[in-house]
Every structure is written in C-alpha cells, then in structure tokens.
C-alpha atoms as a PDB file:
ATOM      1  CA  MET A   1      25.875  34.202  -1.963  1.00  0.00           C
ATOM      2  CA  LYS A   2      24.827  35.499   1.433  1.00  0.00           C
ATOM      3  CA  GLU A   3      22.269  32.672   1.808  1.00  0.00           C
ATOM      4  CA  LYS A   4      24.925  30.013   1.077  1.00  0.00           C
ATOM      5  CA  THR A   5      27.301  31.621   3.579  1.00  0.00           C
ATOM      6  CA  ALA A   6      24.554  31.709   6.223  1.00  0.00           C
ATOM      7  CA  LYS A   7      23.755  28.035   5.552  1.00  0.00           C
ATOM      8  CA  ARG A   8      27.403  27.036   5.958  1.00  0.00           C
ATOM      9  CA  GLN A   9      27.603  28.976   9.225  1.00  0.00           C
ATOM     10  CA  SER A  10      24.400  27.277  10.427  1.00  0.00           C
ATOM     11  CA  LEU A  11      25.806  23.817   9.635  1.00  0.00           C
ATOM     12  CA  SER A  12      29.092  24.656  11.345  1.00  0.00           C
ATOM     13  CA  LYS A  13      27.207  25.642  14.510  1.00  0.00           C
ATOM     14  CA  ARG A  14      25.428  22.252  14.685  1.00  0.00           C
ATOM     15  CA  GLN A  15      26.660  20.236  17.661  1.00  0.00           C
ATOM     16  CA  PRO A  16      28.303  16.827  17.112  1.00  0.00           C
ATOM     17  CA  PHE A  17      25.868  13.970  16.654  1.00  0.00           C
ATOM     18  CA  GLY A  18      27.108  12.093  19.745  1.00  0.00           C
ATOM     19  CA  LYS A  19      26.492  15.093  21.978  1.00  0.00           C
ATOM     20  CA  TYR A  20      23.111  15.668  20.333  1.00  0.00           C
ATOM     21  CA  LEU A  21      22.077  12.042  20.910  1.00  0.00           C
ATOM     22  CA  LYS A  22      23.037  12.130  24.603  1.00  0.00           C
ATOM     23  CA  GLU A  23      21.062  15.328  25.040  1.00  0.00           C
ATOM     24  CA  GLN A  24      17.975  13.833  23.341  1.00  0.00           C
ATOM     25  CA  LEU A  25      18.114  10.681  25.450  1.00  0.00           C
ATOM     26  CA  LYS A  26      18.274  12.724  28.657  1.00  0.00           C
ATOM     27  CA  THR A  27      15.788  15.474  27.892  1.00  0.00           C
ATOM     28  CA  ARG A  28      13.044  13.367  26.246  1.00  0.00           C
ATOM     29  CA  PRO A  29      12.351  10.521  28.710  1.00  0.00           C
ATOM     30  CA  ALA A  30       9.059   9.408  27.101  1.00  0.00           C
ATOM     31  CA  VAL A  31      10.610   9.087  23.650  1.00  0.00           C
ATOM     32  CA  THR A  32      13.682   7.369  25.101  1.00  0.00           C
ATOM     33  CA  THR A  33      11.533   4.820  26.954  1.00  0.00           C
ATOM     34  CA  ILE A  34       9.563   3.986  23.799  1.00  0.00           C
ATOM     35  CA  MET A  35      12.748   3.595  21.758  1.00  0.00           C
ATOM     36  CA  VAL A  36      14.516   1.435  24.365  1.00  0.00           C
ATOM     37  CA  LEU A  37      11.553  -0.953  24.716  1.00  0.00           C
ATOM     38  CA  TYR A  38      11.144  -1.262  20.945  1.00  0.00           C
ATOM     39  CA  LEU A  39      14.866  -1.765  20.350  1.00  0.00           C
ATOM     40  CA  ALA A  40      15.150  -4.342  23.135  1.00  0.00           C
ATOM     41  CA  PHE A  41      12.339  -6.417  21.612  1.00  0.00           C
ATOM     42  CA  CYS A  42      13.887  -6.263  18.142  1.00  0.00           C
ATOM     43  CA  LEU A  43      17.348  -7.259  19.381  1.00  0.00           C
ATOM     44  CA  ALA A  44      15.913 -10.107  21.450  1.00  0.00           C
ATOM     45  CA  SER A  45      14.126 -11.286  18.293  1.00  0.00           C
ATOM     46  CA  VAL A  46      17.446 -11.239  16.426  1.00  0.00           C
ATOM     47  CA  ILE A  47      18.533 -14.055  18.769  1.00  0.00           C
ATOM     48  CA  TYR A  48      15.228 -15.861  19.308  1.00  0.00           C
ATOM     49  CA  LEU A  49      13.951 -16.139  15.731  1.00  0.00           C
ATOM     50  CA  PRO A  50      17.071 -17.784  14.180  1.00  0.00           C
ATOM     51  CA  ILE A  51      17.211 -20.227  17.115  1.00  0.00           C
ATOM     52  CA  SER A  52      13.595 -21.098  16.319  1.00  0.00           C
ATOM     53  CA  GLY A  53      14.596 -21.922  12.747  1.00  0.00           C
ATOM     54  CA  ARG A  54      13.507 -18.623  11.193  1.00  0.00           C
ATOM     55  CA  ALA A  55      16.756 -17.032  10.070  1.00  0.00           C
ATOM     56  CA  ARG A  56      14.995 -14.810   7.537  1.00  0.00           C
ATOM     57  CA  ASP A  57      12.798 -13.283  10.237  1.00  0.00           C
ATOM     58  CA  GLY A  58      15.919 -12.748  12.341  1.00  0.00           C
ATOM     59  CA  GLY A  59      17.286 -10.637   9.489  1.00  0.00           C
ATOM     60  CA  TYR A  60      14.039  -8.677   9.396  1.00  0.00           C
ATOM     61  CA  SER A  61      14.506  -8.003  13.116  1.00  0.00           C
ATOM     62  CA  LEU A  62      17.754  -6.182  12.368  1.00  0.00           C
ATOM     63  CA  VAL A  63      16.021  -4.119   9.703  1.00  0.00           C
ATOM     64  CA  TYR A  64      13.274  -3.090  12.128  1.00  0.00           C
ATOM     65  CA  ALA A  65      15.865  -2.360  14.838  1.00  0.00           C
ATOM     66  CA  SER A  66      17.728  -0.010  12.481  1.00  0.00           C
ATOM     67  CA  VAL A  67      14.715   2.326  12.560  1.00  0.00           C
ATOM     68  CA  VAL A  68      15.796   3.644  15.983  1.00  0.00           C
ATOM     69  CA  PRO A  69      19.189   5.110  14.967  1.00  0.00           C
ATOM     70  CA  LEU A  70      17.677   6.213  11.660  1.00  0.00           C
ATOM     71  CA  PHE A  71      15.022   8.182  13.569  1.00  0.00           C
ATOM     72  CA  TYR A  72      17.651  10.180  15.500  1.00  0.00           C
ATOM     73  CA  VAL A  73      19.769  10.725  12.378  1.00  0.00           C
ATOM     74  CA  LEU A  74      16.768  12.137  10.484  1.00  0.00           C
ATOM     75  CA  GLU A  75      15.837  14.426  13.369  1.00  0.00           C
ATOM     76  CA  TYR A  76      19.453  15.583  13.624  1.00  0.00           C
ATOM     77  CA  PHE A  77      19.799  16.554   9.965  1.00  0.00           C
ATOM     78  CA  THR A  78      16.285  17.932   9.454  1.00  0.00           C
ATOM     79  CA  ARG A  79      16.341  19.756  12.818  1.00  0.00           C
ATOM     80  CA  GLN A  80      12.801  18.587  13.495  1.00  0.00           C
ATOM     81  CA  LYS A  81      11.537  17.455  16.863  1.00  0.00           C
ATOM     82  CA  THR A  82       8.895  14.727  16.876  1.00  0.00           C
ATOM     83  CA  PRO A  83       6.345  14.893  19.747  1.00  0.00           C
ATOM     84  CA  TRP A  84       6.218  11.824  21.991  1.00  0.00           C
ATOM     85  CA  LEU A  85       2.655  10.933  20.963  1.00  0.00           C
ATOM     86  CA  CYS A  86       3.672  10.937  17.306  1.00  0.00           C
ATOM     87  CA  VAL A  87       6.701   8.779  18.183  1.00  0.00           C
ATOM     88  CA  ALA A  88       4.423   6.358  20.053  1.00  0.00           C
ATOM     89  CA  LEU A  89       2.122   6.094  17.022  1.00  0.00           C
ATOM     90  CA  ILE A  90       5.043   5.464  14.646  1.00  0.00           C
ATOM     91  CA  MET A  91       6.696   2.862  16.858  1.00  0.00           C
ATOM     92  CA  PHE A  92       3.426   1.038  17.591  1.00  0.00           C
ATOM     93  CA  TRP A  93       2.801   0.821  13.843  1.00  0.00           C
ATOM     94  CA  LEU A  94       6.311  -0.532  13.266  1.00  0.00           C
ATOM     95  CA  PHE A  95       5.992  -2.951  16.194  1.00  0.00           C
ATOM     96  CA  GLY A  96       2.633  -4.159  14.906  1.00  0.00           C
ATOM     97  CA  SER A  97       4.015  -4.674  11.405  1.00  0.00           C
ATOM     98  CA  PHE A  98       6.996  -6.517  12.843  1.00  0.00           C
ATOM     99  CA  ILE A  99       5.059  -8.981  14.982  1.00  0.00           C
ATOM    100  CA  GLY A 100       2.494  -9.369  12.219  1.00  0.00           C
ATOM    101  CA  ALA A 101       5.122 -10.555   9.751  1.00  0.00           C
ATOM    102  CA  CYS A 102       7.622 -12.319  12.044  1.00  0.00           C
ATOM    103  CA  TYR A 103       5.363 -13.690  14.800  1.00  0.00           C
ATOM    104  CA  ASN A 104       2.421 -14.630  12.548  1.00  0.00           C
ATOM    105  CA  VAL A 105      -0.007 -12.199  14.189  1.00  0.00           C
ATOM    106  CA  TYR A 106      -1.556 -11.587  10.760  1.00  0.00           C
ATOM    107  CA  THR A 107      -2.818 -15.191  10.929  1.00  0.00           C
ATOM    108  CA  TYR A 108      -3.977 -15.141  14.557  1.00  0.00           C
ATOM    109  CA  ILE A 109      -5.775 -11.788  14.240  1.00  0.00           C
ATOM    110  CA  ARG A 110      -7.291 -11.583  10.772  1.00  0.00           C
ATOM    111  CA  CYS A 111      -7.977  -7.845  10.937  1.00  0.00           C
ATOM    112  CA  TRP A 112      -4.432  -7.010  12.087  1.00  0.00           C
ATOM    113  CA  ASP A 113      -3.320  -6.063   8.554  1.00  0.00           C
ATOM    114  CA  ASP A 114      -6.244  -3.655   8.234  1.00  0.00           C
ATOM    115  CA  ILE A 115      -5.335  -2.070  11.583  1.00  0.00           C
ATOM    116  CA  MET A 116      -1.734  -1.604  10.458  1.00  0.00           C
ATOM    117  CA  HIS A 117      -2.768   0.025   7.195  1.00  0.00           C
ATOM    118  CA  PHE A 118      -5.136   2.304   9.076  1.00  0.00           C
ATOM    119  CA  LEU A 119      -2.232   3.438  11.272  1.00  0.00           C
ATOM    120  CA  TRP A 120      -0.075   3.673   8.147  1.00  0.00           C
ATOM    121  CA  GLY A 121      -2.350   6.397   6.786  1.00  0.00           C
ATOM    122  CA  MET A 122      -1.996   8.556   9.897  1.00  0.00           C
ATOM    123  CA  VAL A 123       1.768   8.050  10.159  1.00  0.00           C
ATOM    124  CA  PHE A 124       2.508   9.009   6.570  1.00  0.00           C
ATOM    125  CA  ALA A 125       0.003  11.866   6.442  1.00  0.00           C
ATOM    126  CA  ALA A 126       1.816  13.369   9.442  1.00  0.00           C
ATOM    127  CA  ALA A 127       5.160  12.622   7.763  1.00  0.00           C
ATOM    128  CA  GLY A 128       4.029  14.384   4.594  1.00  0.00           C
ATOM    129  CA  PHE A 129       3.016  17.431   6.630  1.00  0.00           C
ATOM    130  CA  ALA A 130       6.464  17.432   8.258  1.00  0.00           C
ATOM    131  CA  VAL A 131       8.201  17.128   4.871  1.00  0.00           C
ATOM    132  CA  ILE A 132       6.481  20.158   3.354  1.00  0.00           C
ATOM    133  CA  LYS A 133       7.151  22.163   6.531  1.00  0.00           C
ATOM    134  CA  MET A 134      10.872  21.683   5.919  1.00  0.00           C
ATOM    135  CA  PHE A 135      10.511  23.763   2.736  1.00  0.00           C
ATOM    136  CA  MET A 136       7.691  26.159   3.630  1.00  0.00           C
ATOM    137  CA  GLY A 137       8.369  26.664   7.303  1.00  0.00           C
ATOM    138  CA  GLU A 138       5.706  26.775   9.996  1.00  0.00           C
ATOM    139  CA  PRO A 139       2.322  27.564   8.381  1.00  0.00           C
ATOM    140  CA  GLU A 140       1.373  30.936   9.863  1.00  0.00           C
ATOM    141  CA  ASN A 141      -1.949  31.328   8.085  1.00  0.00           C
ATOM    142  CA  ASN A 142      -4.848  29.065   7.119  1.00  0.00           C
ATOM    143  CA  LYS A 143      -3.932  29.011   3.430  1.00  0.00           C
ATOM    144  CA  LYS A 144      -0.481  27.531   4.125  1.00  0.00           C
ATOM    145  CA  PHE A 145      -1.830  25.213   6.810  1.00  0.00           C
ATOM    146  CA  PHE A 146      -4.470  23.618   4.597  1.00  0.00           C
ATOM    147  CA  GLY A 147      -1.962  23.460   1.754  1.00  0.00           C
ATOM    148  CA  CYS A 148       0.263  21.401   4.049  1.00  0.00           C
ATOM    149  CA  LEU A 149      -2.711  19.183   4.886  1.00  0.00           C
ATOM    150  CA  VAL A 150      -3.413  18.511   1.220  1.00  0.00           C
ATOM    151  CA  PHE A 151       0.241  17.699   0.616  1.00  0.00           C
ATOM    152  CA  GLY A 152       0.316  15.355   3.631  1.00  0.00           C
ATOM    153  CA  PHE A 153      -2.763  13.528   2.372  1.00  0.00           C
ATOM    154  CA  ALA A 154      -1.337  13.196  -1.155  1.00  0.00           C
ATOM    155  CA  PHE A 155       2.066  12.130   0.201  1.00  0.00           C
ATOM    156  CA  CYS A 156       0.411   9.328   2.178  1.00  0.00           C
ATOM    157  CA  LEU A 157      -1.443   8.008  -0.870  1.00  0.00           C
ATOM    158  CA  MET A 158       1.737   8.160  -2.966  1.00  0.00           C
ATOM    159  CA  ILE A 159       3.587   6.009  -0.410  1.00  0.00           C
ATOM    160  CA  ALA A 160       0.645   3.568  -0.321  1.00  0.00           C
ATOM    161  CA  VAL A 161       0.702   3.174  -4.111  1.00  0.00           C
ATOM    162  CA  PHE A 162       4.480   2.658  -4.159  1.00  0.00           C
ATOM    163  CA  TRP A 163       4.113   0.027  -1.423  1.00  0.00           C
ATOM    164  CA  GLU A 164       1.508  -1.914  -3.372  1.00  0.00           C
ATOM    165  CA  ILE A 165       3.755  -1.783  -6.455  1.00  0.00           C
ATOM    166  CA  TYR A 166       6.552  -3.173  -4.279  1.00  0.00           C
ATOM    167  CA  GLU A 167       4.288  -5.999  -3.036  1.00  0.00           C
ATOM    168  CA  PHE A 168       3.224  -6.837  -6.593  1.00  0.00           C
ATOM    169  CA  THR A 169       6.857  -6.873  -7.754  1.00  0.00           C
ATOM    170  CA  VAL A 170       7.975  -9.173  -4.931  1.00  0.00           C
ATOM    171  CA  ASP A 171       5.100 -11.585  -5.590  1.00  0.00           C
ATOM    172  CA  SER A 172       5.891 -11.565  -9.310  1.00  0.00           C
ATOM    173  CA  VAL A 173       9.575 -12.445  -8.982  1.00  0.00           C
ATOM    174  CA  SER A 174       9.462 -14.813  -6.001  1.00  0.00           C
ATOM    175  CA  ASN A 175       7.367 -17.899  -5.242  1.00  0.00           C
ATOM    176  CA  GLY A 176       8.290 -17.656  -1.558  1.00  0.00           C
ATOM    177  CA  TYR A 177       6.128 -14.625  -0.863  1.00  0.00           C
ATOM    178  CA  ASP A 178       2.447 -13.766  -1.041  1.00  0.00           C
ATOM    179  CA  MET A 179       2.443 -10.127   0.050  1.00  0.00           C
ATOM    180  CA  GLN A 180      -0.767  -9.417  -1.870  1.00  0.00           C
ATOM    181  CA  GLU A 181      -2.669 -12.010   0.090  1.00  0.00           C
ATOM    182  CA  ASP A 182      -5.384 -14.025  -1.625  1.00  0.00           C
ATOM    183  CA  THR A 183      -9.015 -13.855  -0.564  1.00  0.00           C
ATOM    184  CA  ILE A 184     -11.761 -16.490  -0.808  1.00  0.00           C
ATOM    185  CA  VAL A 185     -14.853 -15.027  -2.508  1.00  0.00           C
ATOM    186  CA  ASN A 186     -18.253 -16.608  -3.151  1.00  0.00           C
ATOM    187  CA  SER A 187     -19.263 -14.668  -6.242  1.00  0.00           C
ATOM    188  CA  ILE A 188     -17.625 -13.121  -9.293  1.00  0.00           C
ATOM    189  CA  HIS A 189     -18.687 -11.058 -12.299  1.00  0.00           C
ATOM    190  CA  SER A 190     -16.458 -11.031 -15.355  1.00  0.00           C
ATOM    191  CA  PHE A 191     -16.267  -9.529 -18.832  1.00  0.00           C
ATOM    192  CA  LEU A 192     -13.770 -12.217 -19.830  1.00  0.00           C
ATOM    193  CA  LEU A 193     -16.006 -15.219 -19.036  1.00  0.00           C
ATOM    194  CA  TYR A 194     -19.065 -13.785 -20.798  1.00  0.00           C
ATOM    195  CA  PRO A 195     -19.621 -15.562 -24.151  1.00  0.00           C
ATOM    196  CA  GLY A 196     -18.575 -13.142 -26.852  1.00  0.00           C
ATOM    197  CA  TYR A 197     -16.378 -11.020 -24.545  1.00  0.00           C
ATOM    198  CA  ASP A 198     -17.630  -7.592 -25.662  1.00  0.00           C
ATOM    199  CA  HIS A 199     -16.875  -5.444 -22.594  1.00  0.00           C
ATOM    200  CA  LEU A 200     -20.579  -4.670 -22.443  1.00  0.00           C
ATOM    201  CA  HIS A 201     -21.895  -7.663 -20.513  1.00  0.00           C
ATOM    202  CA  THR A 202     -20.593  -9.587 -17.516  1.00  0.00           C
ATOM    203  CA  LEU A 203     -21.062 -13.197 -16.541  1.00  0.00           C
ATOM    204  CA  VAL A 204     -22.262 -13.277 -12.932  1.00  0.00           C
ATOM    205  CA  ILE A 205     -21.574 -16.408 -10.889  1.00  0.00           C
ATOM    206  CA  GLU A 206     -22.875 -16.521  -7.323  1.00  0.00           C
ATOM    207  CA  GLY A 207     -22.955 -19.053  -4.510  1.00  0.00           C
ATOM    208  CA  ILE A 208     -19.533 -20.574  -5.270  1.00  0.00           C
ATOM    209  CA  ALA A 209     -18.890 -23.328  -2.687  1.00  0.00           C
ATOM    210  CA  TYR A 210     -15.497 -24.581  -3.888  1.00  0.00           C
ATOM    211  CA  THR A 211     -13.125 -24.437  -6.850  1.00  0.00           C
ATOM    212  CA  GLU A 212     -11.241 -27.379  -8.362  1.00  0.00           C
ATOM    213  CA  LEU A 213      -7.962 -26.840 -10.219  1.00  0.00           C
ATOM    214  CA  TYR A 214      -6.787 -29.325 -12.872  1.00  0.00           C
ATOM    215  CA  ASP A 215      -3.651 -29.604 -14.970  1.00  0.00           C
ATOM    216  CA  ALA A 216      -3.578 -30.113 -18.763  1.00  0.00           C
ATOM    217  CA  ASN A 217      -3.847 -33.897 -18.332  1.00  0.00           C
ATOM    218  CA  GLY A 218      -6.987 -33.724 -16.244  1.00  0.00           C
ATOM    219  CA  ASN A 219      -5.277 -34.412 -12.919  1.00  0.00           C
ATOM    220  CA  LEU A 220      -6.822 -32.674  -9.921  1.00  0.00           C
ATOM    221  CA  LEU A 221      -4.236 -30.298  -8.499  1.00  0.00           C
ATOM    222  CA  TYR A 222      -6.081 -28.639  -5.667  1.00  0.00           C
ATOM    223  CA  THR A 223      -9.565 -28.009  -4.304  1.00  0.00           C
ATOM    224  CA  ILE A 224     -10.215 -24.539  -2.925  1.00  0.00           C
ATOM    225  CA  GLU A 225     -12.797 -24.992  -0.205  1.00  0.00           C
ATOM    226  CA  GLY A 226     -15.218 -22.189   0.548  1.00  0.00           C
ATOM    227  CA  GLY A 227     -15.361 -20.443  -2.818  1.00  0.00           C
ATOM    228  CA  TYR A 228     -13.223 -18.957  -5.545  1.00  0.00           C
ATOM    229  CA  LEU A 229      -9.687 -17.562  -5.106  1.00  0.00           C
ATOM    230  CA  ASP A 230      -9.248 -13.860  -5.653  1.00  0.00           C
ATOM    231  CA  ILE A 231      -5.511 -13.365  -6.253  1.00  0.00           C
ATOM    232  CA  GLY A 232      -4.613 -10.214  -4.359  1.00  0.00           C
ATOM    233  CA  ILE A 233      -6.883  -7.488  -5.716  1.00  0.00           C
ATOM    234  CA  MET A 234      -9.129  -7.446  -2.631  1.00  0.00           C
ATOM    235  CA  ASP A 235      -6.144  -7.199  -0.293  1.00  0.00           C
ATOM    236  CA  THR A 236      -4.518  -4.453  -2.357  1.00  0.00           C
ATOM    237  CA  MET A 237      -7.634  -2.325  -2.600  1.00  0.00           C
ATOM    238  CA  TRP A 238      -8.559  -2.651   1.075  1.00  0.00           C
ATOM    239  CA  ASP A 239      -5.007  -1.681   2.048  1.00  0.00           C
ATOM    240  CA  ILE A 240      -5.293   1.509  -0.013  1.00  0.00           C
ATOM    241  CA  ILE A 241      -8.827   2.199   1.237  1.00  0.00           C
ATOM    242  CA  TRP A 242      -7.865   1.913   4.903  1.00  0.00           C
ATOM    243  CA  CYS A 243      -4.849   4.112   4.300  1.00  0.00           C
ATOM    244  CA  THR A 244      -6.966   6.730   2.526  1.00  0.00           C
ATOM    245  CA  VAL A 245      -9.653   6.730   5.215  1.00  0.00           C
ATOM    246  CA  SER A 246      -7.205   7.146   8.098  1.00  0.00           C
ATOM    247  CA  ALA A 247      -5.253   9.905   6.320  1.00  0.00           C
ATOM    248  CA  ALA A 248      -8.535  11.721   5.677  1.00  0.00           C
ATOM    249  CA  VAL A 249      -9.556  11.286   9.332  1.00  0.00           C
ATOM    250  CA  LEU A 250      -6.284  12.799  10.544  1.00  0.00           C
ATOM    251  CA  CYS A 251      -6.582  15.713   8.103  1.00  0.00           C
ATOM    252  CA  VAL A 252     -10.138  16.458   9.248  1.00  0.00           C
ATOM    253  CA  ILE A 253      -9.079  16.296  12.921  1.00  0.00           C
ATOM    254  CA  LEU A 254      -6.150  18.650  12.310  1.00  0.00           C
ATOM    255  CA  GLY A 255      -8.361  20.976  10.265  1.00  0.00           C
ATOM    256  CA  VAL A 256     -10.892  21.285  13.094  1.00  0.00           C
ATOM    257  CA  ASP A 257      -8.101  21.503  15.667  1.00  0.00           C
ATOM    258  CA  ARG A 258      -6.677  24.490  13.773  1.00  0.00           C
ATOM    259  CA  PHE A 259      -9.656  26.596  14.857  1.00  0.00           C
ATOM    260  CA  ILE A 260      -9.867  25.413  18.486  1.00  0.00           C
ATOM    261  CA  GLY A 261      -6.349  25.991  19.734  1.00  0.00           C
ATOM    262  CA  GLY A 262      -4.103  23.568  17.826  1.00  0.00           C
ATOM    263  CA  ARG A 263      -3.393  21.243  20.762  1.00  0.00           C
ATOM    264  CA  ILE A 264      -3.590  18.047  18.691  1.00  0.00           C
ATOM    265  CA  TYR A 265      -1.349  19.578  16.038  1.00  0.00           C
ATOM    266  CA  LYS A 266       1.384  20.155  18.609  1.00  0.00           C
ATOM    267  CA  VAL A 267       1.470  16.496  19.725  1.00  0.00           C
ATOM    268  CA  VAL A 268       1.101  14.903  16.273  1.00  0.00           C
ATOM    269  CA  ILE A 269       3.132  16.983  13.792  1.00  0.00           C
ATOM    270  CA  PRO A 270       6.925  17.335  14.222  1.00  0.00           C
ATOM    271  CA  SER A 271       8.070  20.852  14.990  1.00  0.00           C
ATOM    272  CA  ILE A 272      10.849  22.810  13.312  1.00  0.00           C
ATOM    273  CA  PRO A 273      13.199  25.299  14.974  1.00  0.00           C
ATOM    274  CA  VAL A 274      12.171  28.910  14.754  1.00  0.00           C
ATOM    275  CA  LYS A 275      14.612  30.892  12.673  1.00  0.00           C
ATOM    276  CA  GLU A 276      15.956  33.893  14.509  1.00  0.00           C
ATOM    277  CA  ALA A 277      15.623  37.146  12.635  1.00  0.00           C
ATOM    278  CA  PRO A 278      18.999  38.623  11.753  1.00  0.00           C
ATOM    279  CA  ALA A 279      20.025  41.623  13.814  1.00  0.00           C
ATOM    280  CA  PRO A 280      19.583  44.921  11.942  1.00  0.00           C
ATOM    281  CA  ALA A 281      22.810  46.309  10.560  1.00  0.00           C
ATOM    282  CA  ALA A 282      24.122  49.342  12.381  1.00  0.00           C
ATOM    283  CA  GLU A 283      23.672  52.536  10.398  1.00  0.00           C
ATOM    284  CA  GLU A 284      26.687  54.681   9.786  1.00  0.00           C
ATOM    285  CA  VAL A 285      26.256  58.056  11.454  1.00  0.00           C
ATOM    286  CA  THR A 286      27.939  60.900   9.626  1.00  0.00           C
ATOM    287  CA  PRO A 287      28.644  63.738  12.002  1.00  0.00           C
ATOM    288  CA  SER A 288      27.105  67.016  10.966  1.00  0.00           C
ATOM    289  CA  GLU A 289      29.122  70.208  10.354  1.00  0.00           C
ATOM    290  CA  GLU A 290      27.729  71.758  13.553  1.00  0.00           C
ATOM    291  CA  ALA A 291      28.903  68.748  15.587  1.00  0.00           C
ATOM    292  CA  LEU A 292      32.348  68.936  14.017  1.00  0.00           C
ATOM    293  CA  ALA A 293      32.474  72.658  14.708  1.00  0.00           C
ATOM    294  CA  GLU A 294      31.624  72.060  18.364  1.00  0.00           C
ATOM    295  CA  VAL A 295      34.462  69.549  18.902  1.00  0.00           C
ATOM    296  CA  ALA A 296      37.003  71.303  16.669  1.00  0.00           C
ATOM    297  CA  PRO A 297      39.631  73.403  18.537  1.00  0.00           C
ATOM    298  CA  PRO A 298      39.291  77.214  18.151  1.00  0.00           C
ATOM    299  CA  ALA A 299      41.414  78.740  15.414  1.00  0.00           C
ATOM    300  CA  GLU A 300      44.496  80.661  16.596  1.00  0.00           C
ATOM    301  CA  GLU A 301      44.441  84.400  16.077  1.00  0.00           C
ATOM    302  CA  ILE A 302      47.270  85.850  14.028  1.00  0.00           C
END
C-alpha cells in the first residue's frame, strides 16, 4: 500500500510534458541539434517525395518524422536520459534506413543494408540494457551489470528475429515488396534435387552462369543472368549475422569498459534518475521519570 502511495506521489510531482520538453530543448543543445536536423529532412521529404511521384515514400517520411516526438515521450515517461552520442547513433541509423528505402541508397551503395543492420545491433543492444535497468535499477555490482549485458544482447536478437518475420510476412502477402531481397548465387547444394531425396545426400551444382524460367507451356518467362536466384535466405541470414556481431562487439566493449572507468558506458547507455532514500522517521522520545520530576512544580506543604 505504501509503495502504491509513493508511486502516485511520484507521478503527481512530475512536471507537465510541455514544460519538460522546453527544458530538454534548452539544456541539451547537442541532442536538440540532431533532432532538428533529422526532423527538418523528414518534413522536407514529406513535400519532395510526393511531388516526385512517390506518395508512398512521402507517407514513410511522416512515420520516420514521428520518431522525434516519440523519443521525448518515452524519455518523459521512463524518466531516462539518453546521452547525446547514443542519440546520434540512433538517429544516424534511422536516417540511413530512411534514405536507403526512400532515396534508393540501398541500390547505389550495395553494402548500405549491411551497415544499417550492423548499427541496428548496437542500437537495440543498448536499448535492451536500458529496458532492464528500468526494472533492476542501476547495476551496482558486476553480477547485475553483466546480467544486463546478457539481456541487452538477447533483446537485440529477439528484435532482429521479429523483424525478419515481419519482412517475410510482408513479402508473402504483397507482390509490391521484396523486403527479403534476392541474391544471385553461382552454386547450390540441395537434398531436394538429389535423385531419391533421402536427406543423406545433396546434389551439388557449381558454376551456374544463368537460369532460364519457363511456364507450363514451354514459353520462356525470364532469364536470370549471372547465376541462380536465391529467394531471400542469404539476405535474411546476413541481416541477423551483422546484428549479432555488432551487438556482441558492443557488449564486449562495455564489459571491458566496466573495469577501466566506465566512460563509454556513460555516453552509450541511457541513465535513470537516482532514487532518493526516504528520510528516517523521527523516533518518539518518552520523557523519563527523572525529567518529569525536574520540570514538575514542587508539591505544596500542608
């Protein structure tokens, strides 16, 4: 009962969101600059992309722009404060994903998707660390700290798996997307193509130069130049691998940093407010009989 009452009092003491936002914009100039530049680009894209005939990408611009108010709302309700370097990493990842999808950077720079998924791992490993801190508090000892690291790593991989399920679902229900991008390969090995199909032997085909696709009537539908088409598995697995590697890298860096001062930790992991210890209750002092006798008036003589 006392805990619930204390929680209500804590919530009632929270300043209004408008006042909080003004304070954050004034007192955190680096974060404010990053947010303003990102938001300005997104809002400009809301106008530019539909004019260029890409209304769908204009809608995506609004979605990416909504991240800015969402960031401040999350900080407000969780009472966490994200360091500027962590904010820069998050917003660069979002900006890179945005221009990759809406400005075709994924086509111009073939490794751009890998770079984004590498950053993804660091962003969500840090986010996982911040999530568990909300429940456990600041890790005072090594046991809690490395427990938070393990949770952050696992949280990142969970998000990566859910994302790949989302990509698979979108590709399955819509012909207008190819989120699990296809890859041209020059060799395959398959249980299915092996005569007898016994799950013991594979048919290995190497040096594939092109693949021709025909319909049931023998009409040539398409010629895949350069090899054989792998439908998404390579893209999916490399996305998860890059995410796993980067999350592991961040965890190792934070683990080493723990023993050399924790400077990286302070600029990468969001901080939580330190709870003030409640003031000790005043003890009731019962005056002794001697004290009462000293202050009591002398008895009248009869």
